[in-house]
Amino acid sequence: MKFHQLAIGHRFRYQDTEYTKSSPLLATEKHGGERRMIPRSASVENLESCTASYNDAISSPALAALDFLYQQAMQSLDDLTPRPDATQLMLAKQKLARAREAALQKLPSAGSS
C-alpha cells in the first residue's frame, strides 16, 4: 500500500522501521519519536489489523473542519501562480503539516469529555 492511503494515526513499516502516520506528509518513529517526511508514493506495510480510520476514532465537527481547512490550504499552495520554487513549496507544506499536527494534539481524543 502507498503512504498516502494510510489514515492518520495508523502504524506502518517503511524501510524496516515502524512509524505512526502523524500527518499527510509526516510520520513519527516508534522508537525514539523522531519525525520524518515520507513520500506520498512510498510503499509501506500497514501494521493495523482493523480498518477503522483515525478520523472514525475521533469523529467530531472540529476534526472535520480542521481537515477541510488543511486540505484547502494544501491545494492553495499547489495552485499558486507564479509557482514558488520547489524548496519554498516543500518548506511551506512541511510548516502547514506541523501546524495541523499541533492542532490535532489539542483536539480531545476519542472517549474524552
PDB file of N, CA and C in Angstrom:
ATOM      1  N   MET A   1       0.836  -1.170   0.000  1.00  0.00           N
ATOM      2  CA  MET A   1       0.000   0.000   0.000  1.00  0.00           C
ATOM      3  C   MET A   1       0.888   1.241   0.000  1.00  0.00           C
ATOM      4  N   LYS A   2       0.367   2.343  -0.460  1.00  0.00           N
ATOM      5  CA  LYS A   2       1.121   3.596  -0.526  1.00  0.00           C
ATOM      6  C   LYS A   2       0.871   4.430   0.727  1.00  0.00           C
ATOM      7  N   PHE A   3       1.854   5.234   1.092  1.00  0.00           N
ATOM      8  CA  PHE A   3       1.775   6.048   2.304  1.00  0.00           C
ATOM      9  C   PHE A   3       0.513   6.912   2.327  1.00  0.00           C
ATOM     10  N   HIS A   4       0.174   7.519   1.204  1.00  0.00           N
ATOM     11  CA  HIS A   4      -0.988   8.426   1.185  1.00  0.00           C
ATOM     12  C   HIS A   4      -2.297   7.691   1.434  1.00  0.00           C
ATOM     13  N   GLN A   5      -2.318   6.357   1.303  1.00  0.00           N
ATOM     14  CA  GLN A   5      -3.539   5.589   1.531  1.00  0.00           C
ATOM     15  C   GLN A   5      -3.779   5.286   3.010  1.00  0.00           C
ATOM     16  N   LEU A   6      -2.764   5.463   3.838  1.00  0.00           N
ATOM     17  CA  LEU A   6      -2.903   5.223   5.272  1.00  0.00           C
ATOM     18  C   LEU A   6      -3.685   6.354   5.928  1.00  0.00           C
ATOM     19  N   ALA A   7      -4.497   6.006   6.896  1.00  0.00           N
ATOM     20  CA  ALA A   7      -5.182   7.023   7.696  1.00  0.00           C
ATOM     21  C   ALA A   7      -4.204   7.566   8.735  1.00  0.00           C
ATOM     22  N   ILE A   8      -4.365   8.813   9.099  1.00  0.00           N
ATOM     23  CA  ILE A   8      -3.537   9.406  10.143  1.00  0.00           C
ATOM     24  C   ILE A   8      -3.777   8.623  11.430  1.00  0.00           C
ATOM     25  N   GLY A   9      -2.697   8.305  12.119  1.00  0.00           N
ATOM     26  CA  GLY A   9      -2.776   7.529  13.340  1.00  0.00           C
ATOM     27  C   GLY A   9      -2.463   6.052  13.143  1.00  0.00           C
ATOM     28  N   HIS A  10      -2.421   5.595  11.886  1.00  0.00           N
ATOM     29  CA  HIS A  10      -2.133   4.183  11.628  1.00  0.00           C
ATOM     30  C   HIS A  10      -0.642   3.901  11.728  1.00  0.00           C
ATOM     31  N   ARG A  11      -0.352   2.705  12.231  1.00  0.00           N
ATOM     32  CA  ARG A  11       1.037   2.250  12.328  1.00  0.00           C
ATOM     33  C   ARG A  11       1.417   1.554  11.026  1.00  0.00           C
ATOM     34  N   PHE A  12       2.679   1.717  10.630  1.00  0.00           N
ATOM     35  CA  PHE A  12       3.143   1.100   9.391  1.00  0.00           C
ATOM     36  C   PHE A  12       4.646   0.878   9.467  1.00  0.00           C
ATOM     37  N   ARG A  13       5.159   0.067   8.549  1.00  0.00           N
ATOM     38  CA  ARG A  13       6.593  -0.177   8.450  1.00  0.00           C
ATOM     39  C   ARG A  13       7.073   0.385   7.120  1.00  0.00           C
ATOM     40  N   TYR A  14       8.182   1.119   7.180  1.00  0.00           N
ATOM     41  CA  TYR A  14       8.803   1.698   5.990  1.00  0.00           C
ATOM     42  C   TYR A  14      10.310   1.572   6.158  1.00  0.00           C
ATOM     43  N   GLN A  15      10.960   0.956   5.190  1.00  0.00           N
ATOM     44  CA  GLN A  15      12.410   0.755   5.222  1.00  0.00           C
ATOM     45  C   GLN A  15      12.851   0.120   6.547  1.00  0.00           C
ATOM     46  N   ASP A  16      12.160  -0.953   6.941  1.00  0.00           N
ATOM     47  CA  ASP A  16      12.476  -1.746   8.137  1.00  0.00           C
ATOM     48  C   ASP A  16      12.348  -0.987   9.457  1.00  0.00           C
ATOM     49  N   THR A  17      11.581   0.103   9.478  1.00  0.00           N
ATOM     50  CA  THR A  17      11.364   0.878  10.699  1.00  0.00           C
ATOM     51  C   THR A  17       9.862   1.072  10.882  1.00  0.00           C
ATOM     52  N   GLU A  18       9.383   0.957  12.139  1.00  0.00           N
ATOM     53  CA  GLU A  18       7.967   1.171  12.431  1.00  0.00           C
ATOM     54  C   GLU A  18       7.699   2.648  12.705  1.00  0.00           C
ATOM     55  N   TYR A  19       6.594   3.141  12.147  1.00  0.00           N
ATOM     56  CA  TYR A  19       6.180   4.526  12.298  1.00  0.00           C
ATOM     57  C   TYR A  19       4.685   4.586  12.581  1.00  0.00           C
ATOM     58  N   THR A  20       4.245   5.760  13.001  1.00  0.00           N
ATOM     59  CA  THR A  20       2.828   6.098  13.067  1.00  0.00           C
ATOM     60  C   THR A  20       2.639   7.320  12.182  1.00  0.00           C
ATOM     61  N   LYS A  21       1.650   7.255  11.291  1.00  0.00           N
ATOM     62  CA  LYS A  21       1.388   8.394  10.409  1.00  0.00           C
ATOM     63  C   LYS A  21       0.812   9.528  11.243  1.00  0.00           C
ATOM     64  N   SER A  22       1.490  10.681  11.230  1.00  0.00           N
ATOM     65  CA  SER A  22       1.057  11.802  12.058  1.00  0.00           C
ATOM     66  C   SER A  22       0.456  12.948  11.248  1.00  0.00           C
ATOM     67  N   SER A  23       0.636  12.931   9.944  1.00  0.00           N
ATOM     68  CA  SER A  23       0.025  13.924   9.058  1.00  0.00           C
ATOM     69  C   SER A  23       0.124  13.376   7.639  1.00  0.00           C
ATOM     70  N   PRO A  24      -0.470  14.054   6.670  1.00  0.00           N
ATOM     71  CA  PRO A  24      -0.364  13.554   5.300  1.00  0.00           C
ATOM     72  C   PRO A  24       1.075  13.464   4.782  1.00  0.00           C
ATOM     73  N   LEU A  25       2.000  14.163   5.411  1.00  0.00           N
ATOM     74  CA  LEU A  25       3.392  14.162   4.951  1.00  0.00           C
ATOM     75  C   LEU A  25       4.380  13.610   5.955  1.00  0.00           C
ATOM     76  N   LEU A  26       3.983  13.498   7.214  1.00  0.00           N
ATOM     77  CA  LEU A  26       4.930  13.147   8.272  1.00  0.00           C
ATOM     78  C   LEU A  26       4.534  11.870   9.006  1.00  0.00           C
ATOM     79  N   ALA A  27       5.571  11.199   9.522  1.00  0.00           N
ATOM     80  CA  ALA A  27       5.376  10.022  10.357  1.00  0.00           C
ATOM     81  C   ALA A  27       6.320  10.129  11.542  1.00  0.00           C
ATOM     82  N   THR A  28       5.914   9.504  12.652  1.00  0.00           N
ATOM     83  CA  THR A  28       6.715   9.508  13.876  1.00  0.00           C
ATOM     84  C   THR A  28       7.255   8.111  14.109  1.00  0.00           C
ATOM     85  N   GLU A  29       8.567   8.033  14.285  1.00  0.00           N
ATOM     86  CA  GLU A  29       9.219   6.746  14.508  1.00  0.00           C
ATOM     87  C   GLU A  29       8.769   6.150  15.832  1.00  0.00           C
ATOM     88  N   LYS A  30       8.514   4.839  15.841  1.00  0.00           N
ATOM     89  CA  LYS A  30       8.043   4.161  17.050  1.00  0.00           C
ATOM     90  C   LYS A  30       9.062   4.272  18.175  1.00  0.00           C
ATOM     91  N   HIS A  31      10.308   4.009  17.889  1.00  0.00           N
ATOM     92  CA  HIS A  31      11.371   4.063  18.892  1.00  0.00           C
ATOM     93  C   HIS A  31      12.160   5.348  18.686  1.00  0.00           C
ATOM     94  N   GLY A  32      12.085   6.232  19.626  1.00  0.00           N
ATOM     95  CA  GLY A  32      12.823   7.486  19.537  1.00  0.00           C
ATOM     96  C   GLY A  32      11.949   8.687  19.245  1.00  0.00           C
ATOM     97  N   GLY A  33      10.804   8.479  18.620  1.00  0.00           N
ATOM     98  CA  GLY A  33       9.877   9.568  18.373  1.00  0.00           C
ATOM     99  C   GLY A  33      10.296  10.581  17.325  1.00  0.00           C
ATOM    100  N   GLU A  34      11.337  10.277  16.567  1.00  0.00           N
ATOM    101  CA  GLU A  34      11.790  11.207  15.525  1.00  0.00           C
ATOM    102  C   GLU A  34      10.749  11.284  14.412  1.00  0.00           C
ATOM    103  N   ARG A  35      10.480  12.505  13.938  1.00  0.00           N
ATOM    104  CA  ARG A  35       9.529  12.698  12.848  1.00  0.00           C
ATOM    105  C   ARG A  35      10.270  12.724  11.529  1.00  0.00           C
ATOM    106  N   ARG A  36       9.639  12.155  10.509  1.00  0.00           N
ATOM    107  CA  ARG A  36      10.268  12.039   9.206  1.00  0.00           C
ATOM    108  C   ARG A  36       9.227  12.278   8.129  1.00  0.00           C
ATOM    109  N   MET A  37       9.650  12.955   7.072  1.00  0.00           N
ATOM    110  CA  MET A  37       8.775  13.146   5.925  1.00  0.00           C
ATOM    111  C   MET A  37       8.828  11.875   5.072  1.00  0.00           C
ATOM    112  N   ILE A  38       7.667  11.337   4.728  1.00  0.00           N
ATOM    113  CA  ILE A  38       7.561  10.125   3.917  1.00  0.00           C
ATOM    114  C   ILE A  38       6.890  10.514   2.597  1.00  0.00           C
ATOM    115  N   PRO A  39       7.483  10.133   1.470  1.00  0.00           N
ATOM    116  CA  PRO A  39       6.843  10.454   0.188  1.00  0.00           C
ATOM    117  C   PRO A  39       5.455   9.818   0.090  1.00  0.00           C
ATOM    118  N   ARG A  40       4.511  10.552  -0.456  1.00  0.00           N
ATOM    119  CA  ARG A  40       3.151  10.032  -0.607  1.00  0.00           C
ATOM    120  C   ARG A  40       3.135   8.725  -1.392  1.00  0.00           C
ATOM    121  N   SER A  41       4.049   8.590  -2.340  1.00  0.00           N
ATOM    122  CA  SER A  41       4.069   7.411  -3.212  1.00  0.00           C
ATOM    123  C   SER A  41       4.873   6.249  -2.636  1.00  0.00           C
ATOM    124  N   ALA A  42       5.438   6.411  -1.435  1.00  0.00           N
ATOM    125  CA  ALA A  42       6.258   5.352  -0.838  1.00  0.00           C
ATOM    126  C   ALA A  42       5.413   4.119  -0.541  1.00  0.00           C
ATOM    127  N   SER A  43       5.961   2.954  -0.847  1.00  0.00           N
ATOM    128  CA  SER A  43       5.307   1.694  -0.494  1.00  0.00           C
ATOM    129  C   SER A  43       5.563   1.402   0.975  1.00  0.00           C
ATOM    130  N   VAL A  44       4.490   1.146   1.725  1.00  0.00           N
ATOM    131  CA  VAL A  44       4.598   0.889   3.161  1.00  0.00           C
ATOM    132  C   VAL A  44       3.810  -0.377   3.489  1.00  0.00           C
ATOM    133  N   GLU A  45       4.131  -0.966   4.630  1.00  0.00           N
ATOM    134  CA  GLU A  45       3.394  -2.124   5.125  1.00  0.00           C
ATOM    135  C   GLU A  45       2.495  -1.660   6.265  1.00  0.00           C
ATOM    136  N   ASN A  46       1.193  -1.769   6.076  1.00  0.00           N
ATOM    137  CA  ASN A  46       0.225  -1.364   7.090  1.00  0.00           C
ATOM    138  C   ASN A  46       0.277  -2.360   8.241  1.00  0.00           C
ATOM    139  N   LEU A  47       0.485  -1.889   9.468  1.00  0.00           N
ATOM    140  CA  LEU A  47       0.558  -2.756  10.636  1.00  0.00           C
ATOM    141  C   LEU A  47      -0.737  -2.776  11.439  1.00  0.00           C
ATOM    142  N   GLU A  48      -1.746  -2.067  10.983  1.00  0.00           N
ATOM    143  CA  GLU A  48      -3.040  -2.022  11.674  1.00  0.00           C
ATOM    144  C   GLU A  48      -3.863  -3.228  11.265  1.00  0.00           C
ATOM    145  N   SER A  49      -4.462  -3.904  12.233  1.00  0.00           N
ATOM    146  CA  SER A  49      -5.288  -5.068  11.925  1.00  0.00           C
ATOM    147  C   SER A  49      -6.729  -4.667  11.622  1.00  0.00           C
ATOM    148  N   CYS A  50      -7.157  -3.539  12.147  1.00  0.00           N
ATOM    149  CA  CYS A  50      -8.536  -3.104  11.900  1.00  0.00           C
ATOM    150  C   CYS A  50      -8.545  -2.086  10.764  1.00  0.00           C
ATOM    151  N   THR A  51      -9.700  -1.885  10.189  1.00  0.00           N
ATOM    152  CA  THR A  51      -9.817  -0.956   9.079  1.00  0.00           C
ATOM    153  C   THR A  51     -10.367   0.395   9.504  1.00  0.00           C
ATOM    154  N   ALA A  52     -10.684   0.552  10.776  1.00  0.00           N
ATOM    155  CA  ALA A  52     -11.207   1.846  11.245  1.00  0.00           C
ATOM    156  C   ALA A  52     -10.127   2.899  11.102  1.00  0.00           C
ATOM    157  N   SER A  53     -10.504   4.049  10.648  1.00  0.00           N
ATOM    158  CA  SER A  53      -9.532   5.118  10.441  1.00  0.00           C
ATOM    159  C   SER A  53      -9.447   6.014  11.670  1.00  0.00           C
ATOM    160  N   TYR A  54      -8.401   6.795  11.720  1.00  0.00           N
ATOM    161  CA  TYR A  54      -8.210   7.768  12.787  1.00  0.00           C
ATOM    162  C   TYR A  54      -9.395   8.727  12.825  1.00  0.00           C
ATOM    163  N   ASN A  55      -9.867   9.119  11.665  1.00  0.00           N
ATOM    164  CA  ASN A  55     -10.998  10.040  11.616  1.00  0.00           C
ATOM    165  C   ASN A  55     -12.250   9.421  12.223  1.00  0.00           C
ATOM    166  N   ASP A  56     -12.420   8.090  12.095  1.00  0.00           N
ATOM    167  CA  ASP A  56     -13.560   7.437  12.721  1.00  0.00           C
ATOM    168  C   ASP A  56     -13.407   7.433  14.240  1.00  0.00           C
ATOM    169  N   ALA A  57     -12.164   7.249  14.710  1.00  0.00           N
ATOM    170  CA  ALA A  57     -11.903   7.195  16.145  1.00  0.00           C
ATOM    171  C   ALA A  57     -12.162   8.541  16.813  1.00  0.00           C
ATOM    172  N   ILE A  58     -11.892   9.606  16.121  1.00  0.00           N
ATOM    173  CA  ILE A  58     -12.121  10.950  16.663  1.00  0.00           C
ATOM    174  C   ILE A  58     -13.073  11.671  15.715  1.00  0.00           C
ATOM    175  N   SER A  59     -14.293  11.190  15.626  1.00  0.00           N
ATOM    176  CA  SER A  59     -15.217  11.856  14.728  1.00  0.00           C
ATOM    177  C   SER A  59     -15.794  13.060  15.456  1.00  0.00           C
ATOM    178  N   SER A  60     -15.495  14.206  14.951  1.00  0.00           N
ATOM    179  CA  SER A  60     -16.007  15.427  15.556  1.00  0.00           C
ATOM    180  C   SER A  60     -16.082  16.509  14.495  1.00  0.00           C
ATOM    181  N   PRO A  61     -16.978  17.452  14.690  1.00  0.00           N
ATOM    182  CA  PRO A  61     -17.031  18.574  13.752  1.00  0.00           C
ATOM    183  C   PRO A  61     -15.715  19.349  13.708  1.00  0.00           C
ATOM    184  N   ALA A  62     -15.023  19.425  14.848  1.00  0.00           N
ATOM    185  CA  ALA A  62     -13.753  20.151  14.877  1.00  0.00           C
ATOM    186  C   ALA A  62     -12.708  19.473  13.997  1.00  0.00           C
ATOM    187  N   LEU A  63     -12.635  18.154  14.056  1.00  0.00           N
ATOM    188  CA  LEU A  63     -11.671  17.426  13.225  1.00  0.00           C
ATOM    189  C   LEU A  63     -12.025  17.571  11.755  1.00  0.00           C
ATOM    190  N   ALA A  64     -13.293  17.460  11.433  1.00  0.00           N
ATOM    191  CA  ALA A  64     -13.727  17.617  10.048  1.00  0.00           C
ATOM    192  C   ALA A  64     -13.373  19.019   9.527  1.00  0.00           C
ATOM    193  N   ALA A  65     -13.592  20.021  10.345  1.00  0.00           N
ATOM    194  CA  ALA A  65     -13.268  21.397   9.945  1.00  0.00           C
ATOM    195  C   ALA A  65     -11.763  21.567   9.769  1.00  0.00           C
ATOM    196  N   LEU A  66     -10.978  20.997  10.695  1.00  0.00           N
ATOM    197  CA  LEU A  66      -9.525  21.088  10.595  1.00  0.00           C
ATOM    198  C   LEU A  66      -9.025  20.406   9.331  1.00  0.00           C
ATOM    199  N   ASP A  67      -9.535  19.215   9.033  1.00  0.00           N
ATOM    200  CA  ASP A  67      -9.122  18.503   7.828  1.00  0.00           C
ATOM    201  C   ASP A  67      -9.500  19.275   6.568  1.00  0.00           C
ATOM    202  N   PHE A  68     -10.697  19.861   6.557  1.00  0.00           N
ATOM    203  CA  PHE A  68     -11.121  20.650   5.396  1.00  0.00           C
ATOM    204  C   PHE A  68     -10.179  21.847   5.195  1.00  0.00           C
ATOM    205  N   LEU A  69      -9.903  22.561   6.261  1.00  0.00           N
ATOM    206  CA  LEU A  69      -9.014  23.718   6.180  1.00  0.00           C
ATOM    207  C   LEU A  69      -7.631  23.307   5.698  1.00  0.00           C
ATOM    208  N   TYR A  70      -7.114  22.221   6.254  1.00  0.00           N
ATOM    209  CA  TYR A  70      -5.786  21.734   5.875  1.00  0.00           C
ATOM    210  C   TYR A  70      -5.740  21.380   4.384  1.00  0.00           C
ATOM    211  N   GLN A  71      -6.725  20.629   3.914  1.00  0.00           N
ATOM    212  CA  GLN A  71      -6.732  20.225   2.510  1.00  0.00           C
ATOM    213  C   GLN A  71      -6.883  21.425   1.579  1.00  0.00           C
ATOM    214  N   GLN A  72      -7.681  22.401   1.975  1.00  0.00           N
ATOM    215  CA  GLN A  72      -7.831  23.605   1.153  1.00  0.00           C
ATOM    216  C   GLN A  72      -6.520  24.399   1.107  1.00  0.00           C
ATOM    217  N   ALA A  73      -5.843  24.485   2.242  1.00  0.00           N
ATOM    218  CA  ALA A  73      -4.570  25.204   2.283  1.00  0.00           C
ATOM    219  C   ALA A  73      -3.522  24.502   1.428  1.00  0.00           C
ATOM    220  N   MET A  74      -3.467  23.168   1.506  1.00  0.00           N
ATOM    221  CA  MET A  74      -2.508  22.423   0.689  1.00  0.00           C
ATOM    222  C   MET A  74      -2.805  22.616  -0.800  1.00  0.00           C
ATOM    223  N   GLN A  75      -4.083  22.582  -1.154  1.00  0.00           N
ATOM    224  CA  GLN A  75      -4.457  22.784  -2.559  1.00  0.00           C
ATOM    225  C   GLN A  75      -4.106  24.197  -3.010  1.00  0.00           C
ATOM    226  N   SER A  76      -4.314  25.171  -2.140  1.00  0.00           N
ATOM    227  CA  SER A  76      -3.968  26.556  -2.475  1.00  0.00           C
ATOM    228  C   SER A  76      -2.472  26.698  -2.732  1.00  0.00           C
ATOM    229  N   LEU A  77      -1.653  25.998  -1.944  1.00  0.00           N
ATOM    230  CA  LEU A  77      -0.208  26.029  -2.187  1.00  0.00           C
ATOM    231  C   LEU A  77       0.122  25.443  -3.557  1.00  0.00           C
ATOM    232  N   ASP A  78      -0.552  24.337  -3.909  1.00  0.00           N
ATOM    233  CA  ASP A  78      -0.308  23.709  -5.212  1.00  0.00           C
ATOM    234  C   ASP A  78      -0.778  24.584  -6.368  1.00  0.00           C
ATOM    235  N   ASP A  79      -1.772  25.442  -6.125  1.00  0.00           N
ATOM    236  CA  ASP A  79      -2.352  26.274  -7.179  1.00  0.00           C
ATOM    237  C   ASP A  79      -1.674  27.632  -7.343  1.00  0.00           C
ATOM    238  N   LEU A  80      -0.680  27.943  -6.515  1.00  0.00           N
ATOM    239  CA  LEU A  80      -0.039  29.258  -6.578  1.00  0.00           C
ATOM    240  C   LEU A  80       0.523  29.549  -7.968  1.00  0.00           C
ATOM    241  N   THR A  81       0.286  30.776  -8.411  1.00  0.00           N
ATOM    242  CA  THR A  81       0.827  31.246  -9.678  1.00  0.00           C
ATOM    243  C   THR A  81       1.374  32.649  -9.447  1.00  0.00           C
ATOM    244  N   PRO A  82       2.606  32.939  -9.789  1.00  0.00           N
ATOM    245  CA  PRO A  82       3.590  32.017 -10.352  1.00  0.00           C
ATOM    246  C   PRO A  82       3.994  30.991  -9.299  1.00  0.00           C
ATOM    247  N   ARG A  83       4.417  29.870  -9.766  1.00  0.00           N
ATOM    248  CA  ARG A  83       4.784  28.735  -8.913  1.00  0.00           C
ATOM    249  C   ARG A  83       6.044  29.053  -8.120  1.00  0.00           C
ATOM    250  N   PRO A  84       6.009  28.876  -6.764  1.00  0.00           N
ATOM    251  CA  PRO A  84       7.230  29.080  -5.982  1.00  0.00           C
ATOM    252  C   PRO A  84       8.232  27.967  -6.312  1.00  0.00           C
ATOM    253  N   ASP A  85       9.494  28.212  -5.980  1.00  0.00           N
ATOM    254  CA  ASP A  85      10.463  27.140  -6.256  1.00  0.00           C
ATOM    255  C   ASP A  85      10.146  25.944  -5.365  1.00  0.00           C
ATOM    256  N   ALA A  86      10.649  24.786  -5.755  1.00  0.00           N
ATOM    257  CA  ALA A  86      10.309  23.524  -5.089  1.00  0.00           C
ATOM    258  C   ALA A  86      10.668  23.535  -3.607  1.00  0.00           C
ATOM    259  N   THR A  87      11.785  24.147  -3.252  1.00  0.00           N
ATOM    260  CA  THR A  87      12.209  24.183  -1.850  1.00  0.00           C
ATOM    261  C   THR A  87      11.242  25.011  -1.024  1.00  0.00           C
ATOM    262  N   GLN A  88      10.866  26.188  -1.528  1.00  0.00           N
ATOM    263  CA  GLN A  88       9.911  27.030  -0.811  1.00  0.00           C
ATOM    264  C   GLN A  88       8.573  26.320  -0.632  1.00  0.00           C
ATOM    265  N   LEU A  89       8.118  25.648  -1.678  1.00  0.00           N
ATOM    266  CA  LEU A  89       6.844  24.941  -1.611  1.00  0.00           C
ATOM    267  C   LEU A  89       6.918  23.803  -0.598  1.00  0.00           C
ATOM    268  N   MET A  90       7.995  23.038  -0.614  1.00  0.00           N
ATOM    269  CA  MET A  90       8.164  21.940   0.332  1.00  0.00           C
ATOM    270  C   MET A  90       8.200  22.462   1.768  1.00  0.00           C
ATOM    271  N   LEU A  91       8.931  23.544   2.006  1.00  0.00           N
ATOM    272  CA  LEU A  91       9.016  24.110   3.354  1.00  0.00           C
ATOM    273  C   LEU A  91       7.655  24.608   3.833  1.00  0.00           C
ATOM    274  N   ALA A  92       6.904  25.243   2.945  1.00  0.00           N
ATOM    275  CA  ALA A  92       5.567  25.724   3.310  1.00  0.00           C
ATOM    276  C   ALA A  92       4.648  24.555   3.649  1.00  0.00           C
ATOM    277  N   LYS A  93       4.718  23.470   2.881  1.00  0.00           N
ATOM    278  CA  LYS A  93       3.881  22.306   3.152  1.00  0.00           C
ATOM    279  C   LYS A  93       4.283  21.630   4.456  1.00  0.00           C
ATOM    280  N   GLN A  94       5.572  21.568   4.722  1.00  0.00           N
ATOM    281  CA  GLN A  94       6.030  20.984   5.987  1.00  0.00           C
ATOM    282  C   GLN A  94       5.542  21.813   7.174  1.00  0.00           C
ATOM    283  N   LYS A  95       5.620  23.133   7.043  1.00  0.00           N
ATOM    284  CA  LYS A  95       5.165  24.011   8.118  1.00  0.00           C
ATOM    285  C   LYS A  95       3.656  23.845   8.343  1.00  0.00           C
ATOM    286  N   LEU A  96       2.914  23.735   7.269  1.00  0.00           N
ATOM    287  CA  LEU A  96       1.469  23.526   7.368  1.00  0.00           C
ATOM    288  C   LEU A  96       1.173  22.171   8.018  1.00  0.00           C
ATOM    289  N   ALA A  97       1.910  21.144   7.661  1.00  0.00           N
ATOM    290  CA  ALA A  97       1.710  19.815   8.251  1.00  0.00           C
ATOM    291  C   ALA A  97       2.021  19.835   9.750  1.00  0.00           C
ATOM    292  N   ARG A  98       3.068  20.557  10.148  1.00  0.00           N
ATOM    293  CA  ARG A  98       3.400  20.663  11.572  1.00  0.00           C
ATOM    294  C   ARG A  98       2.305  21.422  12.334  1.00  0.00           C
ATOM    295  N   ALA A  99       1.754  22.456  11.708  1.00  0.00           N
ATOM    296  CA  ALA A  99       0.671  23.214  12.345  1.00  0.00           C
ATOM    297  C   ALA A  99      -0.568  22.336  12.503  1.00  0.00           C
ATOM    298  N   ARG A 100      -0.860  21.519  11.499  1.00  0.00           N
ATOM    299  CA  ARG A 100      -2.001  20.609  11.584  1.00  0.00           C
ATOM    300  C   ARG A 100      -1.779  19.595  12.699  1.00  0.00           C
ATOM    301  N   GLU A 101      -0.573  19.052  12.772  1.00  0.00           N
ATOM    302  CA  GLU A 101      -0.252  18.082  13.825  1.00  0.00           C
ATOM    303  C   GLU A 101      -0.424  18.712  15.203  1.00  0.00           C
ATOM    304  N   ALA A 102       0.040  19.940  15.377  1.00  0.00           N
ATOM    305  CA  ALA A 102      -0.106  20.633  16.663  1.00  0.00           C
ATOM    306  C   ALA A 102      -1.583  20.844  16.984  1.00  0.00           C
ATOM    307  N   ALA A 103      -2.379  21.196  15.985  1.00  0.00           N
ATOM    308  CA  ALA A 103      -3.808  21.391  16.209  1.00  0.00           C
ATOM    309  C   ALA A 103      -4.496  20.070  16.559  1.00  0.00           C
ATOM    310  N   LEU A 104      -4.086  18.979  15.916  1.00  0.00           N
ATOM    311  CA  LEU A 104      -4.662  17.666  16.233  1.00  0.00           C
ATOM    312  C   LEU A 104      -4.388  17.286  17.681  1.00  0.00           C
ATOM    313  N   GLN A 105      -3.202  17.621  18.157  1.00  0.00           N
ATOM    314  CA  GLN A 105      -2.845  17.296  19.545  1.00  0.00           C
ATOM    315  C   GLN A 105      -3.736  18.038  20.542  1.00  0.00           C
ATOM    316  N   LYS A 106      -4.295  19.151  20.130  1.00  0.00           N
ATOM    317  CA  LYS A 106      -5.150  19.946  21.017  1.00  0.00           C
ATOM    318  C   LYS A 106      -6.601  19.481  21.013  1.00  0.00           C
ATOM    319  N   LEU A 107      -6.964  18.652  20.031  1.00  0.00           N
ATOM    320  CA  LEU A 107      -8.339  18.142  19.983  1.00  0.00           C
ATOM    321  C   LEU A 107      -8.512  17.069  21.056  1.00  0.00           C
ATOM    322  N   PRO A 108      -9.685  16.998  21.659  1.00  0.00           N
ATOM    323  CA  PRO A 108      -9.921  15.925  22.628  1.00  0.00           C
ATOM    324  C   PRO A 108      -9.901  14.587  21.913  1.00  0.00           C
ATOM    325  N   SER A 109      -9.312  13.572  22.544  1.00  0.00           N
ATOM    326  CA  SER A 109      -9.263  12.250  21.923  1.00  0.00           C
ATOM    327  C   SER A 109     -10.589  11.534  22.127  1.00  0.00           C
ATOM    328  N   ALA A 110     -10.756  10.446  21.383  1.00  0.00           N
ATOM    329  CA  ALA A 110     -11.990   9.679  21.457  1.00  0.00           C
ATOM    330  C   ALA A 110     -12.231   9.216  22.875  1.00  0.00           C
ATOM    331  N   GLY A 111     -13.454   9.355  23.317  1.00  0.00           N
ATOM    332  CA  GLY A 111     -13.816   8.923  24.666  1.00  0.00           C
ATOM    333  C   GLY A 111     -13.628   9.980  25.720  1.00  0.00           C
ATOM    334  N   SER A 112     -13.006  11.103  25.400  1.00  0.00           N
ATOM    335  CA  SER A 112     -12.828  12.195  26.380  1.00  0.00           C
ATOM    336  C   SER A 112     -14.060  13.060  26.390  1.00  0.00           C
ATOM    337  N   SER A 113     -14.276  13.730  27.499  1.00  0.00           N
ATOM    338  CA  SER A 113     -15.409  14.653  27.580  1.00  0.00           C
ATOM    339  C   SER A 113     -14.902  16.062  27.707  1.00  0.00           C
TER     340      SER A 113
END
